[in-house]
Each structure stands twice: as structure tokens, then as C-alpha cells.
Amino acid sequence: MLKKTKKIVLTGGPGTGKSSIINELTNRGYLCKTEISREVTLKAQKKGIDQLFLKEPILFSRLLLQSRVRQFKETDQSTEEFVFFDRGVPDVIAYLDYTNTVYPQEFTDKTNACSYDCIFHCKPWETIYTKDNERYESFDASKKIDHYLRQTYESLGYKILTVPFNTISKRADFILNSLNCE
């Protein structure tokens, strides 16, 4: 009998090191699903929309939701022991809650339909925080978004493990050493 692949989410505010950890885990040979909001933002920028999330939060979030659900479902037939996600489906509604945007029930339904095995949280860390072309939020905004992310995952009944500040390699080690998610 095949063992079920454990689905592991890395969440946290913008600029907290999630993607760097995902890259490290990928380099170690683990199956990882990358963050897709940058891709959506870049496509919108090519069409002349600087920050689609700020201009049309529901459209942007719907695109993210569809892609994250697709990422989630793609791993259903995986034979890997673990798959790591740079953000999970619940992140979509957390961001909308952060901006006090009313969203359709479909967002909640799709979030509830995607269940993860472990949630790792990367706290805002001012030392490593940087803005770039796609990350427009300030460090203070990152802290506020982080609050909504934690609140969303906790409201869904997830136990959250916080990744300590350290080198990328040691942060990845912490996650791998903590994967007895039950």
C-alpha cells in the first residue's frame, strides 16, 4: 500500500524567508511547489497593471486560488514522502481578510477542501526583509499580514510550528527534523 504524501506548508508574511527555504529544500531533492503570486503579479505588470492585488483583489486572489488548488491536487498522486508548498490555499483568504475584502463563499469552500499535514510559520524578520518589484509591502505591513495568516490557519484547526531565525540551511534542517506532523 502506498503511503500518503504529507503536504507541508510554509507560510508567513512577505519577506520572511519562505522562498529561500523552499529553494534549499528543492536543492536537497525534495518536491516543492513554488509561490505563484510573483508570476501573477508579473503577468499583470506586462499588461500595465502595477499591483493587481491592490487594483482588483478578487481577480488576483481568484487566480491565486485556482493555481494553489491545482498545485495541491497535482500532488495527490505523488509517491514522494513529503511535498512542500510556498504558501497554502488558506493564505488567499488571509490576505483578503487583511484588506477587509469580502470574498465569495467559493474561496472558503476551496480552502476547506484542501487539507495540509503540517504548517510551518516564518515570522517577520526585519534583518532579512527586503522590498522588490513584486513585494510592495512595508515591514510593518508584513507583520500585520502575518497576524492574519496565523489567525486563518489557527481558525482552520491547524497546529503551527514556528521556524526559528537562523541560516537558510538550519531553518530547512529545523523543518525536516520536525516532520512528525501527527
N, C-alpha and C. Protein backbone atom coordinates (compact mmCIF):
# COMPACT_ATOMS: atom_id res chain seq x y z
N MET A 1 0.85 -1.19 0.00
CA MET A 1 0.00 0.00 0.00
C MET A 1 0.89 1.25 0.00
N LEU A 2 0.52 2.22 -0.83
CA LEU A 2 1.28 3.46 -0.90
C LEU A 2 1.02 4.31 0.34
N LYS A 3 2.12 4.90 0.84
CA LYS A 3 1.96 5.85 1.94
C LYS A 3 1.47 7.17 1.36
N LYS A 4 0.61 7.83 2.09
CA LYS A 4 0.11 9.13 1.68
C LYS A 4 1.23 10.17 1.79
N THR A 5 1.37 10.96 0.74
CA THR A 5 2.35 12.04 0.76
C THR A 5 1.89 13.10 1.75
N LYS A 6 2.80 13.52 2.63
CA LYS A 6 2.47 14.59 3.57
C LYS A 6 2.65 15.94 2.89
N LYS A 7 1.63 16.76 3.01
CA LYS A 7 1.63 18.09 2.40
C LYS A 7 1.99 19.12 3.46
N ILE A 8 3.09 19.80 3.21
CA ILE A 8 3.68 20.71 4.20
C ILE A 8 3.65 22.14 3.64
N VAL A 9 3.10 23.08 4.42
CA VAL A 9 3.03 24.49 4.01
C VAL A 9 4.04 25.31 4.79
N LEU A 10 4.71 26.22 4.06
CA LEU A 10 5.48 27.28 4.69
C LEU A 10 4.68 28.56 4.48
N THR A 11 4.32 29.20 5.57
CA THR A 11 3.55 30.44 5.50
C THR A 11 4.23 31.50 6.35
N GLY A 12 3.76 32.70 6.22
CA GLY A 12 4.29 33.84 6.96
C GLY A 12 4.17 35.08 6.10
N GLY A 13 4.35 36.21 6.71
CA GLY A 13 4.25 37.47 5.98
C GLY A 13 5.27 37.56 4.86
N PRO A 14 5.13 38.58 4.02
CA PRO A 14 6.08 38.78 2.93
C PRO A 14 7.49 39.01 3.47
N GLY A 15 8.48 38.44 2.77
CA GLY A 15 9.88 38.70 3.09
C GLY A 15 10.39 38.00 4.34
N THR A 16 9.83 36.84 4.66
CA THR A 16 10.24 36.14 5.88
C THR A 16 11.17 34.95 5.62
N GLY A 17 11.53 34.72 4.36
CA GLY A 17 12.48 33.66 4.04
C GLY A 17 11.87 32.37 3.53
N LYS A 18 10.57 32.35 3.30
CA LYS A 18 9.90 31.12 2.85
C LYS A 18 10.47 30.60 1.54
N SER A 19 10.58 31.47 0.57
CA SER A 19 11.05 31.03 -0.75
C SER A 19 12.50 30.57 -0.70
N SER A 20 13.31 31.21 0.12
CA SER A 20 14.70 30.77 0.27
C SER A 20 14.77 29.37 0.87
N ILE A 21 13.90 29.09 1.83
CA ILE A 21 13.85 27.75 2.43
C ILE A 21 13.35 26.74 1.40
N ILE A 22 12.33 27.11 0.65
CA ILE A 22 11.81 26.23 -0.42
C ILE A 22 12.93 25.91 -1.41
N ASN A 23 13.70 26.91 -1.80
CA ASN A 23 14.82 26.68 -2.73
C ASN A 23 15.84 25.72 -2.12
N GLU A 24 16.11 25.87 -0.84
CA GLU A 24 17.04 24.98 -0.15
C GLU A 24 16.51 23.55 -0.15
N LEU A 25 15.22 23.39 0.15
CA LEU A 25 14.62 22.05 0.16
C LEU A 25 14.62 21.44 -1.24
N THR A 26 14.37 22.25 -2.25
CA THR A 26 14.44 21.79 -3.64
C THR A 26 15.85 21.30 -3.97
N ASN A 27 16.85 22.09 -3.56
CA ASN A 27 18.25 21.71 -3.81
C ASN A 27 18.63 20.41 -3.09
N ARG A 28 17.92 20.09 -2.03
CA ARG A 28 18.17 18.84 -1.30
C ARG A 28 17.38 17.67 -1.89
N GLY A 29 16.63 17.94 -2.93
CA GLY A 29 15.93 16.87 -3.62
C GLY A 29 14.47 16.66 -3.24
N TYR A 30 13.91 17.56 -2.46
CA TYR A 30 12.51 17.44 -2.06
C TYR A 30 11.60 18.06 -3.12
N LEU A 31 10.40 17.52 -3.23
CA LEU A 31 9.39 18.06 -4.13
C LEU A 31 8.81 19.31 -3.49
N CYS A 32 8.91 20.43 -4.20
CA CYS A 32 8.44 21.71 -3.67
C CYS A 32 7.59 22.42 -4.71
N LYS A 33 6.55 23.07 -4.24
CA LYS A 33 5.67 23.89 -5.08
C LYS A 33 5.96 25.34 -4.74
N THR A 34 6.37 26.10 -5.74
CA THR A 34 6.83 27.47 -5.51
C THR A 34 5.66 28.44 -5.37
N GLU A 35 5.97 29.60 -4.83
CA GLU A 35 5.00 30.69 -4.69
C GLU A 35 4.61 31.16 -6.08
N ILE A 36 3.32 31.40 -6.27
CA ILE A 36 2.85 31.78 -7.60
C ILE A 36 2.39 33.23 -7.69
N SER A 37 2.34 33.94 -6.58
CA SER A 37 1.85 35.31 -6.63
C SER A 37 2.77 36.21 -7.45
N ARG A 38 4.07 35.92 -7.42
CA ARG A 38 5.00 36.71 -8.23
C ARG A 38 4.69 36.54 -9.72
N GLU A 39 4.40 35.33 -10.12
CA GLU A 39 4.06 35.04 -11.51
C GLU A 39 2.81 35.81 -11.93
N VAL A 40 1.78 35.80 -11.09
CA VAL A 40 0.54 36.51 -11.38
C VAL A 40 0.81 38.02 -11.46
N THR A 41 1.60 38.53 -10.53
CA THR A 41 1.93 39.95 -10.49
C THR A 41 2.71 40.36 -11.75
N LEU A 42 3.70 39.55 -12.13
CA LEU A 42 4.50 39.88 -13.32
C LEU A 42 3.66 39.87 -14.59
N LYS A 43 2.75 38.90 -14.72
CA LYS A 43 1.86 38.86 -15.89
C LYS A 43 1.00 40.12 -15.95
N ALA A 44 0.48 40.56 -14.81
CA ALA A 44 -0.33 41.77 -14.76
C ALA A 44 0.50 43.00 -15.10
N GLN A 45 1.74 43.04 -14.61
CA GLN A 45 2.61 44.18 -14.90
C GLN A 45 2.91 44.28 -16.39
N LYS A 46 3.03 43.14 -17.06
CA LYS A 46 3.24 43.16 -18.51
C LYS A 46 2.03 43.73 -19.24
N LYS A 47 0.87 43.69 -18.59
CA LYS A 47 -0.35 44.26 -19.17
C LYS A 47 -0.59 45.68 -18.68
N GLY A 48 0.38 46.24 -17.94
CA GLY A 48 0.27 47.62 -17.48
C GLY A 48 -0.36 47.82 -16.12
N ILE A 49 -0.61 46.72 -15.38
CA ILE A 49 -1.20 46.83 -14.04
C ILE A 49 -0.08 46.58 -13.02
N ASP A 50 0.33 47.64 -12.32
CA ASP A 50 1.48 47.54 -11.42
C ASP A 50 1.27 46.53 -10.31
N GLN A 51 0.17 46.64 -9.56
CA GLN A 51 -0.12 45.72 -8.46
C GLN A 51 -1.57 45.26 -8.58
N LEU A 52 -1.77 44.14 -9.23
CA LEU A 52 -3.12 43.62 -9.47
C LEU A 52 -3.87 43.39 -8.16
N PHE A 53 -3.18 42.94 -7.12
CA PHE A 53 -3.86 42.70 -5.85
C PHE A 53 -4.48 43.99 -5.31
N LEU A 54 -3.78 45.10 -5.46
CA LEU A 54 -4.30 46.38 -4.97
C LEU A 54 -5.42 46.91 -5.86
N LYS A 55 -5.32 46.67 -7.16
CA LYS A 55 -6.32 47.18 -8.10
C LYS A 55 -7.57 46.30 -8.14
N GLU A 56 -7.39 44.98 -8.21
CA GLU A 56 -8.51 44.05 -8.30
C GLU A 56 -8.24 42.84 -7.39
N PRO A 57 -8.43 43.02 -6.09
CA PRO A 57 -8.06 41.96 -5.15
C PRO A 57 -8.79 40.63 -5.37
N ILE A 58 -10.04 40.68 -5.79
CA ILE A 58 -10.77 39.42 -6.01
C ILE A 58 -10.23 38.69 -7.24
N LEU A 59 -9.99 39.41 -8.32
CA LEU A 59 -9.43 38.79 -9.51
C LEU A 59 -8.06 38.17 -9.20
N PHE A 60 -7.19 38.95 -8.60
CA PHE A 60 -5.86 38.46 -8.23
C PHE A 60 -5.98 37.22 -7.35
N SER A 61 -6.82 37.29 -6.34
CA SER A 61 -6.98 36.19 -5.38
C SER A 61 -7.60 34.96 -6.04
N ARG A 62 -8.52 35.17 -6.96
CA ARG A 62 -9.12 34.04 -7.69
C ARG A 62 -8.04 33.31 -8.51
N LEU A 63 -7.16 34.07 -9.15
CA LEU A 63 -6.07 33.47 -9.92
C LEU A 63 -5.14 32.67 -9.01
N LEU A 64 -4.84 33.24 -7.84
CA LEU A 64 -4.00 32.51 -6.87
C LEU A 64 -4.71 31.26 -6.36
N LEU A 65 -5.97 31.41 -6.03
CA LEU A 65 -6.75 30.29 -5.51
C LEU A 65 -6.75 29.13 -6.51
N GLN A 66 -7.04 29.43 -7.76
CA GLN A 66 -7.06 28.39 -8.79
C GLN A 66 -5.70 27.69 -8.90
N SER A 67 -4.64 28.48 -8.91
CA SER A 67 -3.30 27.90 -9.05
C SER A 67 -2.88 27.10 -7.82
N ARG A 68 -3.22 27.60 -6.63
CA ARG A 68 -2.84 26.86 -5.41
C ARG A 68 -3.64 25.58 -5.27
N VAL A 69 -4.91 25.60 -5.64
CA VAL A 69 -5.70 24.37 -5.61
C VAL A 69 -5.12 23.38 -6.62
N ARG A 70 -4.75 23.87 -7.80
CA ARG A 70 -4.14 23.00 -8.81
C ARG A 70 -2.84 22.40 -8.27
N GLN A 71 -1.99 23.21 -7.65
CA GLN A 71 -0.76 22.69 -7.05
C GLN A 71 -1.09 21.59 -6.03
N PHE A 72 -2.07 21.85 -5.20
CA PHE A 72 -2.47 20.90 -4.16
C PHE A 72 -2.89 19.57 -4.79
N LYS A 73 -3.76 19.64 -5.80
CA LYS A 73 -4.29 18.43 -6.43
C LYS A 73 -3.22 17.67 -7.22
N GLU A 74 -2.26 18.40 -7.79
CA GLU A 74 -1.18 17.75 -8.54
C GLU A 74 -0.40 16.77 -7.67
N THR A 75 -0.38 17.03 -6.40
CA THR A 75 0.44 16.18 -5.51
C THR A 75 -0.34 14.99 -4.96
N ASP A 76 -1.63 14.88 -5.28
CA ASP A 76 -2.43 13.77 -4.77
C ASP A 76 -1.91 12.41 -5.19
N GLN A 77 -1.32 12.32 -6.35
CA GLN A 77 -0.80 11.04 -6.84
C GLN A 77 0.70 10.90 -6.64
N SER A 78 1.29 11.82 -5.91
CA SER A 78 2.74 11.78 -5.69
C SER A 78 3.15 10.55 -4.88
N THR A 79 4.31 10.04 -5.20
CA THR A 79 4.88 8.94 -4.41
C THR A 79 5.96 9.45 -3.45
N GLU A 80 6.17 10.76 -3.44
CA GLU A 80 7.14 11.36 -2.52
C GLU A 80 6.62 11.27 -1.09
N GLU A 81 7.54 11.21 -0.14
CA GLU A 81 7.11 11.19 1.26
C GLU A 81 6.53 12.54 1.68
N PHE A 82 7.15 13.62 1.19
CA PHE A 82 6.73 14.97 1.53
C PHE A 82 6.65 15.83 0.28
N VAL A 83 5.74 16.79 0.30
CA VAL A 83 5.75 17.86 -0.69
C VAL A 83 5.61 19.16 0.11
N PHE A 84 6.42 20.14 -0.26
CA PHE A 84 6.45 21.42 0.43
C PHE A 84 5.82 22.50 -0.46
N PHE A 85 4.98 23.33 0.15
CA PHE A 85 4.30 24.41 -0.56
C PHE A 85 4.76 25.75 -0.02
N ASP A 86 5.17 26.63 -0.92
CA ASP A 86 5.48 28.02 -0.56
C ASP A 86 4.14 28.75 -0.55
N ARG A 87 3.50 28.75 0.59
CA ARG A 87 2.15 29.24 0.87
C ARG A 87 1.12 28.18 0.50
N GLY A 88 0.03 28.19 1.25
CA GLY A 88 -1.05 27.25 1.03
C GLY A 88 -2.32 27.98 0.59
N VAL A 89 -3.34 27.21 0.31
CA VAL A 89 -4.62 27.77 -0.11
C VAL A 89 -5.17 28.76 0.93
N PRO A 90 -5.07 28.48 2.24
CA PRO A 90 -5.60 29.43 3.22
C PRO A 90 -4.97 30.83 3.18
N ASP A 91 -3.76 30.93 2.62
CA ASP A 91 -3.12 32.25 2.53
C ASP A 91 -3.97 33.23 1.72
N VAL A 92 -4.72 32.70 0.74
CA VAL A 92 -5.53 33.56 -0.11
C VAL A 92 -6.57 34.30 0.73
N ILE A 93 -7.30 33.58 1.57
CA ILE A 93 -8.33 34.26 2.35
C ILE A 93 -7.72 35.12 3.47
N ALA A 94 -6.56 34.74 3.96
CA ALA A 94 -5.90 35.56 4.98
C ALA A 94 -5.56 36.94 4.43
N TYR A 95 -5.06 36.98 3.20
CA TYR A 95 -4.74 38.27 2.58
C TYR A 95 -6.00 39.10 2.34
N LEU A 96 -7.07 38.45 1.93
CA LEU A 96 -8.32 39.18 1.73
C LEU A 96 -8.87 39.70 3.05
N ASP A 97 -8.75 38.90 4.10
CA ASP A 97 -9.17 39.37 5.42
C ASP A 97 -8.32 40.56 5.87
N TYR A 98 -7.03 40.50 5.59
CA TYR A 98 -6.11 41.60 5.93
C TYR A 98 -6.58 42.91 5.29
N THR A 99 -7.06 42.84 4.06
CA THR A 99 -7.51 44.05 3.36
C THR A 99 -8.99 44.32 3.56
N ASN A 100 -9.64 43.50 4.40
CA ASN A 100 -11.07 43.65 4.69
C ASN A 100 -11.91 43.58 3.41
N THR A 101 -11.51 42.65 2.53
CA THR A 101 -12.21 42.45 1.26
C THR A 101 -13.19 41.30 1.41
N VAL A 102 -14.44 41.54 1.06
CA VAL A 102 -15.46 40.50 1.09
C VAL A 102 -15.22 39.60 -0.13
N TYR A 103 -15.26 38.29 0.09
CA TYR A 103 -14.99 37.35 -0.99
C TYR A 103 -16.10 36.30 -1.05
N PRO A 104 -16.25 35.67 -2.22
CA PRO A 104 -17.31 34.69 -2.40
C PRO A 104 -17.09 33.44 -1.54
N GLN A 105 -18.18 32.75 -1.22
CA GLN A 105 -18.14 31.52 -0.43
C GLN A 105 -17.22 30.47 -1.06
N GLU A 106 -17.11 30.50 -2.37
CA GLU A 106 -16.24 29.56 -3.10
C GLU A 106 -14.81 29.58 -2.54
N PHE A 107 -14.33 30.74 -2.11
CA PHE A 107 -12.97 30.84 -1.57
C PHE A 107 -12.86 30.00 -0.30
N THR A 108 -13.84 30.14 0.59
CA THR A 108 -13.84 29.37 1.84
C THR A 108 -14.01 27.89 1.55
N ASP A 109 -14.90 27.55 0.63
CA ASP A 109 -15.14 26.13 0.30
C ASP A 109 -13.87 25.47 -0.24
N LYS A 110 -13.18 26.15 -1.14
CA LYS A 110 -11.95 25.57 -1.71
C LYS A 110 -10.85 25.49 -0.66
N THR A 111 -10.81 26.44 0.23
CA THR A 111 -9.83 26.39 1.32
C THR A 111 -10.11 25.19 2.21
N ASN A 112 -11.35 24.98 2.56
CA ASN A 112 -11.71 23.85 3.42
C ASN A 112 -11.49 22.50 2.75
N ALA A 113 -11.51 22.47 1.43
CA ALA A 113 -11.34 21.21 0.69
C ALA A 113 -9.88 20.78 0.58
N CYS A 114 -8.96 21.66 0.91
CA CYS A 114 -7.53 21.36 0.80
C CYS A 114 -6.93 21.27 2.20
N SER A 115 -6.61 20.07 2.61
CA SER A 115 -6.12 19.84 3.96
C SER A 115 -4.62 19.51 3.94
N TYR A 116 -3.88 20.20 4.78
CA TYR A 116 -2.43 20.01 4.86
C TYR A 116 -2.07 19.23 6.13
N ASP A 117 -0.88 18.64 6.12
CA ASP A 117 -0.43 17.84 7.26
C ASP A 117 0.39 18.63 8.27
N CYS A 118 1.14 19.60 7.81
CA CYS A 118 1.97 20.42 8.71
C CYS A 118 2.00 21.85 8.19
N ILE A 119 1.99 22.78 9.12
CA ILE A 119 2.11 24.19 8.78
C ILE A 119 3.33 24.74 9.52
N PHE A 120 4.28 25.24 8.74
CA PHE A 120 5.45 25.90 9.30
C PHE A 120 5.34 27.39 9.04
N HIS A 121 5.60 28.15 10.08
CA HIS A 121 5.41 29.60 10.04
C HIS A 121 6.76 30.29 10.15
N CYS A 122 7.02 31.19 9.21
CA CYS A 122 8.22 32.02 9.26
C CYS A 122 7.80 33.41 9.70
N LYS A 123 8.25 33.80 10.88
CA LYS A 123 7.89 35.10 11.46
C LYS A 123 8.57 36.23 10.70
N PRO A 124 7.94 37.41 10.71
CA PRO A 124 8.60 38.58 10.13
C PRO A 124 9.96 38.80 10.81
N TRP A 125 10.93 39.04 9.99
CA TRP A 125 12.32 39.16 10.45
C TRP A 125 12.93 40.36 9.73
N GLU A 126 13.00 41.47 10.44
CA GLU A 126 13.42 42.73 9.82
C GLU A 126 14.81 42.65 9.21
N THR A 127 15.69 41.86 9.79
CA THR A 127 17.06 41.74 9.29
C THR A 127 17.12 41.24 7.85
N ILE A 128 16.20 40.36 7.46
CA ILE A 128 16.24 39.80 6.11
C ILE A 128 15.19 40.40 5.18
N TYR A 129 14.31 41.23 5.72
CA TYR A 129 13.22 41.77 4.91
C TYR A 129 13.74 42.73 3.85
N THR A 130 13.27 42.55 2.61
CA THR A 130 13.56 43.49 1.54
C THR A 130 12.32 43.65 0.66
N LYS A 131 12.18 44.83 0.08
CA LYS A 131 11.15 45.07 -0.94
C LYS A 131 11.78 44.77 -2.29
N ASP A 132 10.93 44.44 -3.27
CA ASP A 132 11.41 44.27 -4.63
C ASP A 132 10.29 44.59 -5.60
N ASN A 133 10.45 44.25 -6.85
CA ASN A 133 9.48 44.60 -7.88
C ASN A 133 8.08 44.07 -7.60
N GLU A 134 7.98 42.87 -7.03
CA GLU A 134 6.67 42.28 -6.75
C GLU A 134 6.25 42.44 -5.30
N ARG A 135 7.17 42.65 -4.40
CA ARG A 135 6.85 42.79 -2.97
C ARG A 135 6.82 44.27 -2.62
N TYR A 136 5.63 44.81 -2.55
CA TYR A 136 5.45 46.23 -2.32
C TYR A 136 5.21 46.56 -0.84
N GLU A 137 4.89 45.54 -0.03
CA GLU A 137 4.50 45.78 1.36
C GLU A 137 5.70 46.26 2.19
N SER A 138 5.40 47.11 3.15
CA SER A 138 6.42 47.54 4.12
C SER A 138 6.63 46.43 5.15
N PHE A 139 7.65 46.57 5.96
CA PHE A 139 7.87 45.57 7.02
C PHE A 139 6.71 45.58 8.01
N ASP A 140 6.18 46.77 8.33
CA ASP A 140 5.02 46.85 9.23
C ASP A 140 3.82 46.12 8.63
N ALA A 141 3.60 46.28 7.33
CA ALA A 141 2.51 45.55 6.67
C ALA A 141 2.76 44.05 6.72
N SER A 142 4.00 43.64 6.57
CA SER A 142 4.34 42.21 6.65
C SER A 142 3.94 41.64 8.01
N LYS A 143 4.17 42.41 9.06
CA LYS A 143 3.79 41.95 10.41
C LYS A 143 2.27 41.82 10.54
N LYS A 144 1.55 42.77 9.96
CA LYS A 144 0.08 42.72 10.04
C LYS A 144 -0.47 41.54 9.22
N ILE A 145 0.06 41.36 8.02
CA ILE A 145 -0.35 40.23 7.18
C ILE A 145 -0.05 38.92 7.90
N ASP A 146 1.10 38.86 8.54
CA ASP A 146 1.49 37.67 9.29
C ASP A 146 0.45 37.32 10.35
N HIS A 147 -0.06 38.33 11.03
CA HIS A 147 -1.10 38.11 12.04
C HIS A 147 -2.32 37.44 11.42
N TYR A 148 -2.76 37.93 10.27
CA TYR A 148 -3.92 37.35 9.60
C TYR A 148 -3.65 35.92 9.12
N LEU A 149 -2.44 35.67 8.67
CA LEU A 149 -2.08 34.31 8.24
C LEU A 149 -2.17 33.33 9.40
N ARG A 150 -1.57 33.69 10.52
CA ARG A 150 -1.63 32.81 11.70
C ARG A 150 -3.08 32.61 12.15
N GLN A 151 -3.82 33.69 12.19
CA GLN A 151 -5.22 33.64 12.62
C GLN A 151 -6.03 32.71 11.69
N THR A 152 -5.81 32.80 10.41
CA THR A 152 -6.55 31.97 9.45
C THR A 152 -6.22 30.49 9.65
N TYR A 153 -4.95 30.16 9.72
CA TYR A 153 -4.58 28.75 9.90
C TYR A 153 -5.08 28.21 11.24
N GLU A 154 -4.97 29.02 12.29
CA GLU A 154 -5.46 28.57 13.60
C GLU A 154 -6.97 28.37 13.58
N SER A 155 -7.70 29.26 12.89
CA SER A 155 -9.16 29.13 12.83
C SER A 155 -9.57 27.87 12.07
N LEU A 156 -8.70 27.38 11.21
CA LEU A 156 -8.97 26.15 10.46
C LEU A 156 -8.53 24.90 11.25
N GLY A 157 -8.01 25.12 12.45
CA GLY A 157 -7.66 24.00 13.32
C GLY A 157 -6.24 23.47 13.17
N TYR A 158 -5.40 24.20 12.47
CA TYR A 158 -4.02 23.75 12.29
C TYR A 158 -3.14 24.10 13.48
N LYS A 159 -2.25 23.20 13.80
CA LYS A 159 -1.17 23.47 14.74
C LYS A 159 -0.04 24.08 13.91
N ILE A 160 0.49 25.19 14.38
CA ILE A 160 1.51 25.91 13.63
C ILE A 160 2.85 25.78 14.34
N LEU A 161 3.87 25.38 13.58
CA LEU A 161 5.23 25.32 14.12
C LEU A 161 6.00 26.52 13.58
N THR A 162 6.59 27.30 14.48
CA THR A 162 7.34 28.49 14.06
C THR A 162 8.79 28.13 13.81
N VAL A 163 9.28 28.52 12.64
CA VAL A 163 10.66 28.26 12.24
C VAL A 163 11.54 29.33 12.88
N PRO A 164 12.54 28.91 13.66
CA PRO A 164 13.39 29.91 14.32
C PRO A 164 14.26 30.67 13.32
N PHE A 165 14.63 31.88 13.71
CA PHE A 165 15.57 32.67 12.92
C PHE A 165 16.90 31.93 12.91
N ASN A 166 17.48 31.78 11.74
CA ASN A 166 18.77 31.12 11.61
C ASN A 166 19.18 31.19 10.15
N THR A 167 20.24 30.50 9.78
CA THR A 167 20.63 30.44 8.37
C THR A 167 19.56 29.66 7.60
N ILE A 168 19.55 29.82 6.31
CA ILE A 168 18.58 29.10 5.47
C ILE A 168 18.74 27.60 5.67
N SER A 169 19.97 27.14 5.68
CA SER A 169 20.23 25.70 5.85
C SER A 169 19.70 25.18 7.18
N LYS A 170 19.93 25.94 8.25
CA LYS A 170 19.47 25.49 9.57
C LYS A 170 17.96 25.61 9.71
N ARG A 171 17.37 26.55 9.02
CA ARG A 171 15.91 26.65 9.04
C ARG A 171 15.30 25.44 8.31
N ALA A 172 15.90 25.06 7.19
CA ALA A 172 15.44 23.86 6.48
C ALA A 172 15.65 22.62 7.34
N ASP A 173 16.78 22.55 8.03
CA ASP A 173 17.03 21.42 8.94
C ASP A 173 15.95 21.34 10.02
N PHE A 174 15.58 22.49 10.59
CA PHE A 174 14.54 22.51 11.62
C PHE A 174 13.25 21.91 11.09
N ILE A 175 12.86 22.32 9.89
CA ILE A 175 11.63 21.81 9.29
C ILE A 175 11.72 20.30 9.09
N LEU A 176 12.79 19.85 8.49
CA LEU A 176 12.94 18.41 8.23
C LEU A 176 12.98 17.59 9.51
N ASN A 177 13.59 18.14 10.55
CA ASN A 177 13.67 17.43 11.83
C ASN A 177 12.35 17.47 12.60
N SER A 178 11.40 18.30 12.15
CA SER A 178 10.12 18.45 12.83
C SER A 178 8.97 17.78 12.10
N LEU A 179 9.26 16.96 11.13
CA LEU A 179 8.21 16.44 10.26
C LEU A 179 7.41 15.26 10.80
N ASN A 180 7.44 15.05 12.06
CA ASN A 180 6.49 14.10 12.64
C ASN A 180 5.25 14.90 12.96
N CYS A 181 4.49 15.18 11.92
CA CYS A 181 3.39 16.16 11.96
C CYS A 181 2.16 15.70 12.74
N GLU A 182 2.06 14.46 13.05
CA GLU A 182 0.83 13.98 13.70
C GLU A 182 0.62 14.62 15.04
